[in-house]
């Protein structure tokens, strides 16, 4: 492999590492918030579907949260 090919490979790996770190920075807190709200953390997958993530955000913002229902019932 020549020098340009090696640099391209290293650059590609670097990009993948940065993307993985950004996913962790944004997805882990979202999962934790969803779980505290009483929803499954799997709902975070909506963000990978165009427009569905935006609509899901509004639905969760305006819906009655199961965690709050359980808290007021006890």
Protein backbone atom coordinates (compact mmCIF):
# COMPACT_ATOMS: atom_id res chain seq x y z
CA UNK A 1 0.00 0.00 0.00
CA UNK A 2 1.42 3.38 -0.91
CA UNK A 3 1.55 6.41 1.39
CA UNK A 4 -1.68 7.96 0.06
CA UNK A 5 -3.56 4.71 0.48
CA UNK A 6 -2.30 4.34 4.05
CA UNK A 7 -3.29 7.92 4.91
CA UNK A 8 -6.74 7.37 3.41
CA UNK A 9 -7.19 4.22 5.49
CA UNK A 10 -6.10 6.01 8.67
CA UNK A 11 -8.40 8.92 7.81
CA UNK A 12 -11.31 6.52 7.31
CA UNK A 13 -10.70 4.86 10.66
CA UNK A 14 -10.47 8.26 12.33
CA UNK A 15 -13.80 9.29 10.84
CA UNK A 16 -15.42 6.08 12.10
CA UNK A 17 -14.05 6.67 15.60
CA UNK A 18 -15.35 10.26 15.61
CA UNK A 19 -18.78 9.11 14.42
CA UNK A 20 -18.90 6.43 17.15
CA UNK A 21 -18.00 9.02 19.79
CA UNK A 22 -20.68 11.42 18.52
CA UNK A 23 -23.28 8.65 18.56
CA UNK A 24 -22.36 7.88 22.15
CA UNK A 25 -22.51 11.56 23.14
CA UNK A 26 -26.01 12.00 21.71
CA UNK A 27 -27.64 8.58 21.97
CA UNK A 28 -26.68 7.50 25.49
CA UNK A 29 -28.26 10.56 27.17
CA UNK A 30 -31.34 10.20 24.97
CA UNK A 31 -31.70 6.57 26.03
CA UNK A 32 -31.31 7.51 29.70
CA UNK A 33 -33.93 10.26 29.40
CA UNK A 34 -36.37 7.92 27.70
CA UNK A 35 -35.88 5.29 30.41
CA UNK A 36 -36.39 7.86 33.19
CA UNK A 37 -39.57 8.97 31.45
CA UNK A 38 -40.86 5.40 31.56
CA UNK A 39 -40.33 4.52 27.91
CA UNK A 40 -38.06 1.91 26.37
CA UNK A 41 -34.61 3.11 25.34
CA UNK A 42 -35.19 1.46 21.97
CA UNK A 43 -37.36 4.44 20.98
CA UNK A 44 -34.10 6.27 20.27
CA UNK A 45 -33.95 4.34 16.98
CA UNK A 46 -36.62 6.71 15.66
CA UNK A 47 -33.89 9.30 15.21
CA UNK A 48 -32.42 7.26 12.38
CA UNK A 49 -35.62 7.54 10.34
CA UNK A 50 -35.97 10.93 8.65
CA UNK A 51 -38.90 12.95 10.02
CA UNK A 52 -39.91 10.15 12.41
CA UNK A 53 -37.40 11.34 15.00
CA UNK A 54 -38.77 14.88 14.85
CA UNK A 55 -42.37 13.67 15.14
CA UNK A 56 -41.40 11.28 17.95
CA UNK A 57 -39.79 14.12 19.86
CA UNK A 58 -43.04 16.10 19.79
CA UNK A 59 -45.12 13.04 20.70
CA UNK A 60 -42.93 12.34 23.73
CA UNK A 61 -42.92 16.01 24.72
CA UNK A 62 -46.71 16.27 24.68
CA UNK A 63 -47.68 12.79 25.89
CA UNK A 64 -48.37 11.80 29.49
CA UNK A 65 -45.22 10.10 30.69
CA UNK A 66 -45.70 6.67 32.29
CA UNK A 67 -43.13 7.50 34.99
CA UNK A 68 -45.15 10.53 36.09
CA UNK A 69 -48.39 8.53 36.13
CA UNK A 70 -46.80 5.92 38.40
CA UNK A 71 -45.41 8.61 40.70
CA UNK A 72 -48.76 10.39 41.13
CA UNK A 73 -50.63 7.10 41.68
CA UNK A 74 -48.48 6.13 44.66
